[in-house]
């Protein structure tokens, strides 16, 4: 009896020889470490999900189903809801209005606020005079906006120290708000290109934190915080 021949030993490359892999796409070729080259694997012999490039396993093709029968792709996009009559009217009005209409309306709102501050003279109004702050009326505490109308009244009369006494943060933010408004209105109405005022999220967060601290400190019943109470 003769024994079955054993595996043939692979020849080792000679010293200095360069090992090269078969070209990609060669039928039956193998790459380094025994991996089959692209295109050398027979069809049907590769598990699902590990086929050659360009093949899509069953259940993951468009319109296919997953292992549990769930669709692999979501259904068609949900239709956008139809706008109601009021929304369509506002959109048509905005599209047909001239460029200066929206800035003019914003200027009108600002003018109404200034006129109210000038005519009402809040510096001599009683604390419970209408309209009043509900928080201060019920608790006696200053809310974060208390003193803003009086500060605006003093700003319009050129008394900045008195304005800062009633609401320091409002006076501090007023120049920035005014510049942002002028830059936006000028761009919308006349096409102005004023230098952009870049305010990062960190700056906005710091301002809100300072506003919160100011709102708390102005209600403390100890000096010097009592000077902030209005």
C-alpha atoms as a PDB file:
ATOM      1  CA  UNK A   1       0.000   0.000   0.000  1.00  0.00           C
ATOM      2  CA  UNK A   2       1.081   3.477  -0.645  1.00  0.00           C
ATOM      3  CA  UNK A   3       0.056   6.409   1.541  1.00  0.00           C
ATOM      4  CA  UNK A   4      -1.762   9.397   0.117  1.00  0.00           C
ATOM      5  CA  UNK A   5       0.591  12.117  -0.879  1.00  0.00           C
ATOM      6  CA  UNK A   6       0.795  14.932   1.627  1.00  0.00           C
ATOM      7  CA  UNK A   7       0.432  18.614   0.848  1.00  0.00           C
ATOM      8  CA  UNK A   8       3.015  20.041  -1.366  1.00  0.00           C
ATOM      9  CA  UNK A   9       5.235  22.536   0.408  1.00  0.00           C
ATOM     10  CA  UNK A  10       5.048  25.991  -1.034  1.00  0.00           C
ATOM     11  CA  UNK A  11       8.396  27.207  -2.297  1.00  0.00           C
ATOM     12  CA  UNK A  12       9.960  29.943  -0.262  1.00  0.00           C
ATOM     13  CA  UNK A  13      11.170  33.010  -2.102  1.00  0.00           C
ATOM     14  CA  UNK A  14      14.821  33.374  -2.490  1.00  0.00           C
ATOM     15  CA  UNK A  15      16.598  36.014  -0.433  1.00  0.00           C
ATOM     16  CA  UNK A  16      16.092  39.404  -1.981  1.00  0.00           C
ATOM     17  CA  UNK A  17      13.136  38.338  -4.095  1.00  0.00           C
ATOM     18  CA  UNK A  18      10.055  40.559  -4.159  1.00  0.00           C
ATOM     19  CA  UNK A  19       6.737  38.887  -3.350  1.00  0.00           C
ATOM     20  CA  UNK A  20       3.979  40.025  -5.686  1.00  0.00           C
ATOM     21  CA  UNK A  21       0.251  39.309  -5.467  1.00  0.00           C
ATOM     22  CA  UNK A  22      -1.808  38.411  -8.542  1.00  0.00           C
ATOM     23  CA  UNK A  23      -3.441  41.296 -10.321  1.00  0.00           C
ATOM     24  CA  UNK A  24      -6.872  42.317  -9.085  1.00  0.00           C
ATOM     25  CA  UNK A  25      -9.696  40.725 -10.995  1.00  0.00           C
ATOM     26  CA  UNK A  26      -7.702  37.646 -12.054  1.00  0.00           C
ATOM     27  CA  UNK A  27      -9.927  34.584 -11.958  1.00  0.00           C
ATOM     28  CA  UNK A  28      -8.940  32.211  -9.207  1.00  0.00           C
ATOM     29  CA  UNK A  29      -6.125  34.417  -8.011  1.00  0.00           C
ATOM     30  CA  UNK A  30      -5.315  34.861  -4.341  1.00  0.00           C
ATOM     31  CA  UNK A  31      -3.968  37.878  -2.596  1.00  0.00           C
ATOM     32  CA  UNK A  32      -1.613  38.100   0.353  1.00  0.00           C
ATOM     33  CA  UNK A  33      -2.333  35.926   3.367  1.00  0.00           C
ATOM     34  CA  UNK A  34      -4.621  33.685   1.372  1.00  0.00           C
ATOM     35  CA  UNK A  35      -7.458  36.180   0.735  1.00  0.00           C
ATOM     36  CA  UNK A  36      -9.177  35.710  -2.571  1.00  0.00           C
ATOM     37  CA  UNK A  37      -8.723  38.411  -5.119  1.00  0.00           C
ATOM     38  CA  UNK A  38     -11.677  40.457  -6.288  1.00  0.00           C
ATOM     39  CA  UNK A  39     -13.837  38.521  -8.722  1.00  0.00           C
ATOM     40  CA  UNK A  40     -12.346  35.114  -7.859  1.00  0.00           C
ATOM     41  CA  UNK A  41     -15.147  33.981  -5.522  1.00  0.00           C
ATOM     42  CA  UNK A  42     -17.865  31.949  -7.234  1.00  0.00           C
ATOM     43  CA  UNK A  43     -21.380  33.320  -7.120  1.00  0.00           C
ATOM     44  CA  UNK A  44     -23.463  31.888  -4.309  1.00  0.00           C
ATOM     45  CA  UNK A  45     -20.524  30.833  -2.165  1.00  0.00           C
ATOM     46  CA  UNK A  46     -20.299  34.038  -0.115  1.00  0.00           C
ATOM     47  CA  UNK A  47     -22.527  34.596   2.945  1.00  0.00           C
ATOM     48  CA  UNK A  48     -25.050  37.394   2.838  1.00  0.00           C
ATOM     49  CA  UNK A  49     -23.481  40.724   3.636  1.00  0.00           C
ATOM     50  CA  UNK A  50     -19.972  39.725   2.468  1.00  0.00           C
ATOM     51  CA  UNK A  51     -20.413  39.719  -1.289  1.00  0.00           C
ATOM     52  CA  UNK A  52     -18.141  41.519  -3.716  1.00  0.00           C
ATOM     53  CA  UNK A  53     -18.355  45.239  -4.174  1.00  0.00           C
ATOM     54  CA  UNK A  54     -21.599  46.317  -5.783  1.00  0.00           C
ATOM     55  CA  UNK A  55     -23.640  43.360  -4.562  1.00  0.00           C
ATOM     56  CA  UNK A  56     -26.427  44.006  -2.056  1.00  0.00           C
ATOM     57  CA  UNK A  57     -27.494  41.234   0.341  1.00  0.00           C
ATOM     58  CA  UNK A  58     -31.097  40.192   0.338  1.00  0.00           C
ATOM     59  CA  UNK A  59     -33.292  42.288   2.607  1.00  0.00           C
ATOM     60  CA  UNK A  60     -31.187  45.401   2.216  1.00  0.00           C
ATOM     61  CA  UNK A  61     -31.909  46.279  -1.386  1.00  0.00           C
ATOM     62  CA  UNK A  62     -34.412  48.991  -2.208  1.00  0.00           C
ATOM     63  CA  UNK A  63     -37.815  47.574  -1.447  1.00  0.00           C
ATOM     64  CA  UNK A  64     -36.351  44.526   0.289  1.00  0.00           C
ATOM     65  CA  UNK A  65     -37.325  43.214   3.685  1.00  0.00           C
ATOM     66  CA  UNK A  66     -35.232  42.530   6.737  1.00  0.00           C
ATOM     67  CA  UNK A  67     -34.873  39.339   8.732  1.00  0.00           C
ATOM     68  CA  UNK A  68     -38.129  39.872  10.595  1.00  0.00           C
ATOM     69  CA  UNK A  69     -40.095  41.065   7.607  1.00  0.00           C
ATOM     70  CA  UNK A  70     -39.588  44.767   8.336  1.00  0.00           C
ATOM     71  CA  UNK A  71     -38.926  46.958   5.305  1.00  0.00           C
ATOM     72  CA  UNK A  72     -35.242  47.747   4.955  1.00  0.00           C
ATOM     73  CA  UNK A  73     -35.935  51.195   3.561  1.00  0.00           C
ATOM     74  CA  UNK A  74     -38.360  53.712   5.077  1.00  0.00           C
ATOM     75  CA  UNK A  75     -41.547  54.453   3.177  1.00  0.00           C
ATOM     76  CA  UNK A  76     -41.830  57.449   0.923  1.00  0.00           C
ATOM     77  CA  UNK A  77     -41.345  60.891   2.505  1.00  0.00           C
ATOM     78  CA  UNK A  78     -44.249  62.217   4.479  1.00  0.00           C
ATOM     79  CA  UNK A  79     -46.153  64.900   2.574  1.00  0.00           C
ATOM     80  CA  UNK A  80     -45.713  68.428   3.864  1.00  0.00           C
ATOM     81  CA  UNK A  81     -48.882  69.809   5.475  1.00  0.00           C
ATOM     82  CA  UNK A  82     -50.759  72.357   3.472  1.00  0.00           C
ATOM     83  CA  UNK A  83     -50.464  75.878   4.951  1.00  0.00           C
ATOM     84  CA  UNK A  84     -53.687  77.339   6.258  1.00  0.00           C
ATOM     85  CA  UNK A  85     -55.341  80.412   4.782  1.00  0.00           C
ATOM     86  CA  UNK A  86     -53.759  82.848   7.217  1.00  0.00           C
ATOM     87  CA  UNK A  87     -50.263  81.504   6.514  1.00  0.00           C
ATOM     88  CA  UNK A  88     -50.818  81.674   2.749  1.00  0.00           C
ATOM     89  CA  UNK A  89     -52.097  85.232   3.097  1.00  0.00           C
ATOM     90  CA  UNK A  90     -49.067  86.317   5.139  1.00  0.00           C
ATOM     91  CA  UNK A  91     -46.665  84.666   2.683  1.00  0.00           C
ATOM     92  CA  UNK A  92     -48.325  86.303  -0.310  1.00  0.00           C
ATOM     93  CA  UNK A  93     -48.315  89.657   1.471  1.00  0.00           C
ATOM     94  CA  UNK A  94     -44.614  89.283   2.303  1.00  0.00           C
ATOM     95  CA  UNK A  95     -43.703  88.325  -1.281  1.00  0.00           C
ATOM     96  CA  UNK A  96     -45.603  91.248  -2.786  1.00  0.00           C
ATOM     97  CA  UNK A  97     -44.560  93.890  -0.270  1.00  0.00           C
ATOM     98  CA  UNK A  98     -41.610  96.194  -1.040  1.00  0.00           C
ATOM     99  CA  UNK A  99     -38.252  95.643   0.616  1.00  0.00           C
ATOM    100  CA  UNK A 100     -38.659  98.537   3.003  1.00  0.00           C
ATOM    101  CA  UNK A 101     -42.038  97.416   4.387  1.00  0.00           C
ATOM    102  CA  UNK A 102     -40.746  95.047   7.094  1.00  0.00           C
ATOM    103  CA  UNK A 103     -37.998  97.413   8.379  1.00  0.00           C
ATOM    104  CA  UNK A 104     -40.542 100.233   8.405  1.00  0.00           C
ATOM    105  CA  UNK A 105     -42.922  98.125  10.503  1.00  0.00           C
ATOM    106  CA  UNK A 106     -40.064  97.325  12.925  1.00  0.00           C
ATOM    107  CA  UNK A 107     -39.179 101.020  13.175  1.00  0.00           C
ATOM    108  CA  UNK A 108     -42.826 101.736  13.921  1.00  0.00           C
ATOM    109  CA  UNK A 109     -42.821  99.240  16.797  1.00  0.00           C
ATOM    110  CA  UNK A 110     -39.667 100.813  18.262  1.00  0.00           C
ATOM    111  CA  UNK A 111     -41.202 104.280  17.886  1.00  0.00           C
ATOM    112  CA  UNK A 112     -44.342 103.144  19.713  1.00  0.00           C
ATOM    113  CA  UNK A 113     -42.237 101.856  22.619  1.00  0.00           C
ATOM    114  CA  UNK A 114     -40.284 105.102  22.848  1.00  0.00           C
ATOM    115  CA  UNK A 115     -43.454 107.176  22.643  1.00  0.00           C
ATOM    116  CA  UNK A 116     -45.026 105.197  25.453  1.00  0.00           C
ATOM    117  CA  UNK A 117     -41.945 105.734  27.638  1.00  0.00           C
ATOM    118  CA  UNK A 118     -41.972 109.472  26.944  1.00  0.00           C
ATOM    119  CA  UNK A 119     -45.698 110.005  27.425  1.00  0.00           C
ATOM    120  CA  UNK A 120     -46.225 107.808  30.464  1.00  0.00           C
ATOM    121  CA  UNK A 121     -43.193 109.154  32.376  1.00  0.00           C
ATOM    122  CA  UNK A 122     -42.649 105.939  34.380  1.00  0.00           C
ATOM    123  CA  UNK A 123     -40.280 107.681  36.802  1.00  0.00           C
ATOM    124  CA  UNK A 124     -43.293 109.240  38.577  1.00  0.00           C
ATOM    125  CA  UNK A 125     -45.709 106.320  38.184  1.00  0.00           C
ATOM    126  CA  UNK A 126     -46.866 104.338  41.201  1.00  0.00           C
ATOM    127  CA  UNK A 127     -45.516 100.772  41.563  1.00  0.00           C
ATOM    128  CA  UNK A 128     -49.008  99.322  41.096  1.00  0.00           C
ATOM    129  CA  UNK A 129     -49.946 101.561  38.172  1.00  0.00           C
ATOM    130  CA  UNK A 130     -51.109  99.686  35.068  1.00  0.00           C
ATOM    131  CA  UNK A 131     -49.386  98.133  33.270  1.00  0.00           C
ATOM    132  CA  UNK A 132     -47.298  96.753  36.089  1.00  0.00           C
ATOM    133  CA  UNK A 133     -44.953  93.845  36.748  1.00  0.00           C
ATOM    134  CA  UNK A 134     -46.934  90.901  38.081  1.00  0.00           C
ATOM    135  CA  UNK A 135     -43.934  89.490  39.975  1.00  0.00           C
ATOM    136  CA  UNK A 136     -43.239  92.758  41.770  1.00  0.00           C
ATOM    137  CA  UNK A 137     -46.925  93.342  42.473  1.00  0.00           C
ATOM    138  CA  UNK A 138     -47.325  89.928  44.148  1.00  0.00           C
ATOM    139  CA  UNK A 139     -43.897  89.361  45.736  1.00  0.00           C
ATOM    140  CA  UNK A 140     -42.277  92.800  45.960  1.00  0.00           C
ATOM    141  CA  UNK A 141     -39.217  91.490  44.081  1.00  0.00           C
ATOM    142  CA  UNK A 142     -37.687  93.045  40.979  1.00  0.00           C
ATOM    143  CA  UNK A 143     -38.026  90.861  37.914  1.00  0.00           C
ATOM    144  CA  UNK A 144     -35.168  90.656  35.358  1.00  0.00           C
ATOM    145  CA  UNK A 145     -36.770  93.470  33.330  1.00  0.00           C
ATOM    146  CA  UNK A 146     -37.851  95.794  36.122  1.00  0.00           C
ATOM    147  CA  UNK A 147     -36.543  99.307  35.560  1.00  0.00           C
ATOM    148  CA  UNK A 148     -36.102  98.896  31.812  1.00  0.00           C
ATOM    149  CA  UNK A 149     -38.836 101.385  30.872  1.00  0.00           C
ATOM    150  CA  UNK A 150     -37.496 103.949  33.319  1.00  0.00           C
ATOM    151  CA  UNK A 151     -33.972 103.366  32.023  1.00  0.00           C
ATOM    152  CA  UNK A 152     -35.227 104.009  28.483  1.00  0.00           C
ATOM    153  CA  UNK A 153     -36.916 107.213  29.630  1.00  0.00           C
ATOM    154  CA  UNK A 154     -33.663 108.468  31.148  1.00  0.00           C
ATOM    155  CA  UNK A 155     -31.689 107.457  28.026  1.00  0.00           C
ATOM    156  CA  UNK A 156     -34.078 109.457  25.838  1.00  0.00           C
ATOM    157  CA  UNK A 157     -33.502 112.427  28.131  1.00  0.00           C
ATOM    158  CA  UNK A 158     -29.711 112.000  28.042  1.00  0.00           C
ATOM    159  CA  UNK A 159     -29.316 111.011  31.715  1.00  0.00           C
ATOM    160  CA  UNK A 160     -27.163 107.896  31.400  1.00  0.00           C
ATOM    161  CA  UNK A 161     -26.170 107.611  35.113  1.00  0.00           C
ATOM    162  CA  UNK A 162     -29.822 107.550  36.159  1.00  0.00           C
ATOM    163  CA  UNK A 163     -30.591 105.063  33.369  1.00  0.00           C
ATOM    164  CA  UNK A 164     -27.789 102.761  34.522  1.00  0.00           C
ATOM    165  CA  UNK A 165     -29.052 103.076  38.094  1.00  0.00           C
ATOM    166  CA  UNK A 166     -32.417 101.628  37.062  1.00  0.00           C
ATOM    167  CA  UNK A 167     -31.154  98.896  34.719  1.00  0.00           C
ATOM    168  CA  UNK A 168     -27.421  98.721  34.092  1.00  0.00           C
ATOM    169  CA  UNK A 169     -27.493  95.765  31.681  1.00  0.00           C
ATOM    170  CA  UNK A 170     -30.145  97.412  29.511  1.00  0.00           C
ATOM    171  CA  UNK A 171     -27.975 100.502  29.092  1.00  0.00           C
ATOM    172  CA  UNK A 172     -24.946  98.296  28.376  1.00  0.00           C
ATOM    173  CA  UNK A 173     -26.724  96.273  25.683  1.00  0.00           C
ATOM    174  CA  UNK A 174     -28.544  99.217  24.077  1.00  0.00           C
ATOM    175  CA  UNK A 175     -25.707 100.315  21.694  1.00  0.00           C
ATOM    176  CA  UNK A 176     -25.245  96.748  20.422  1.00  0.00           C
ATOM    177  CA  UNK A 177     -28.987  96.287  19.912  1.00  0.00           C
ATOM    178  CA  UNK A 178     -29.218  99.623  18.098  1.00  0.00           C
ATOM    179  CA  UNK A 179     -26.342  98.742  15.757  1.00  0.00           C
ATOM    180  CA  UNK A 180     -27.788  95.307  14.974  1.00  0.00           C
ATOM    181  CA  UNK A 181     -31.141  96.887  14.207  1.00  0.00           C
ATOM    182  CA  UNK A 182     -29.678  99.591  11.951  1.00  0.00           C
ATOM    183  CA  UNK A 183     -27.515  97.047  10.102  1.00  0.00           C
ATOM    184  CA  UNK A 184     -30.473  94.718   9.530  1.00  0.00           C
ATOM    185  CA  UNK A 185     -32.928  97.456   8.526  1.00  0.00           C
ATOM    186  CA  UNK A 186     -30.408  99.121   6.219  1.00  0.00           C
ATOM    187  CA  UNK A 187     -29.618  95.824   4.522  1.00  0.00           C
ATOM    188  CA  UNK A 188     -33.282  94.962   4.046  1.00  0.00           C
ATOM    189  CA  UNK A 189     -34.453  98.367   2.843  1.00  0.00           C
ATOM    190  CA  UNK A 190     -31.474  99.912   1.053  1.00  0.00           C
ATOM    191  CA  UNK A 191     -28.985  97.075   0.546  1.00  0.00           C
ATOM    192  CA  UNK A 192     -26.420  98.523   2.928  1.00  0.00           C
ATOM    193  CA  UNK A 193     -23.450  96.318   3.797  1.00  0.00           C
ATOM    194  CA  UNK A 194     -22.378  97.492   7.222  1.00  0.00           C
ATOM    195  CA  UNK A 195     -19.620  95.575   9.048  1.00  0.00           C
ATOM    196  CA  UNK A 196     -21.131  92.483  10.600  1.00  0.00           C
ATOM    197  CA  UNK A 197     -21.204  92.340  14.379  1.00  0.00           C
ATOM    198  CA  UNK A 198     -20.201  88.784  15.230  1.00  0.00           C
ATOM    199  CA  UNK A 199     -21.450  87.644  18.643  1.00  0.00           C
ATOM    200  CA  UNK A 200     -20.422  84.117  19.590  1.00  0.00           C
ATOM    201  CA  UNK A 201     -22.552  81.749  21.618  1.00  0.00           C
ATOM    202  CA  UNK A 202     -20.097  82.071  24.512  1.00  0.00           C
ATOM    203  CA  UNK A 203     -20.619  85.835  24.640  1.00  0.00           C
ATOM    204  CA  UNK A 204     -24.396  85.390  24.589  1.00  0.00           C
ATOM    205  CA  UNK A 205     -24.179  82.771  27.335  1.00  0.00           C
ATOM    206  CA  UNK A 206     -21.980  85.056  29.452  1.00  0.00           C
ATOM    207  CA  UNK A 207     -24.417  87.947  29.022  1.00  0.00           C
ATOM    208  CA  UNK A 208     -27.374  85.768  30.061  1.00  0.00           C
ATOM    209  CA  UNK A 209     -25.424  84.537  33.098  1.00  0.00           C
ATOM    210  CA  UNK A 210     -24.604  88.144  34.072  1.00  0.00           C
ATOM    211  CA  UNK A 211     -28.275  89.069  33.651  1.00  0.00           C
ATOM    212  CA  UNK A 212     -29.301  86.220  35.931  1.00  0.00           C
ATOM    213  CA  UNK A 213     -26.758  87.257  38.566  1.00  0.00           C
ATOM    214  CA  UNK A 214     -27.897  90.887  38.293  1.00  0.00           C
ATOM    215  CA  UNK A 215     -31.528  89.816  38.766  1.00  0.00           C
ATOM    216  CA  UNK A 216     -30.604  87.970  41.966  1.00  0.00           C
ATOM    217  CA  UNK A 217     -28.231  90.548  43.435  1.00  0.00           C
ATOM    218  CA  UNK A 218     -30.633  93.463  43.018  1.00  0.00           C
ATOM    219  CA  UNK A 219     -33.117  91.762  45.343  1.00  0.00           C
ATOM    220  CA  UNK A 220     -30.690  91.092  48.195  1.00  0.00           C
ATOM    221  CA  UNK A 221     -31.568  93.172  51.273  1.00  0.00           C
ATOM    222  CA  UNK A 222     -27.958  94.100  52.135  1.00  0.00           C
ATOM    223  CA  UNK A 223     -25.736  96.983  51.119  1.00  0.00           C
ATOM    224  CA  UNK A 224     -24.450  97.648  48.517  1.00  0.00           C
ATOM    225  CA  UNK A 225     -27.006  95.504  46.666  1.00  0.00           C
ATOM    226  CA  UNK A 226     -29.901  97.591  47.984  1.00  0.00           C
ATOM    227  CA  UNK A 227     -28.796 100.379  45.633  1.00  0.00           C
ATOM    228  CA  UNK A 228     -29.765  98.177  42.674  1.00  0.00           C
ATOM    229  CA  UNK A 229     -33.351  97.737  43.829  1.00  0.00           C
ATOM    230  CA  UNK A 230     -35.846  99.832  41.864  1.00  0.00           C
END
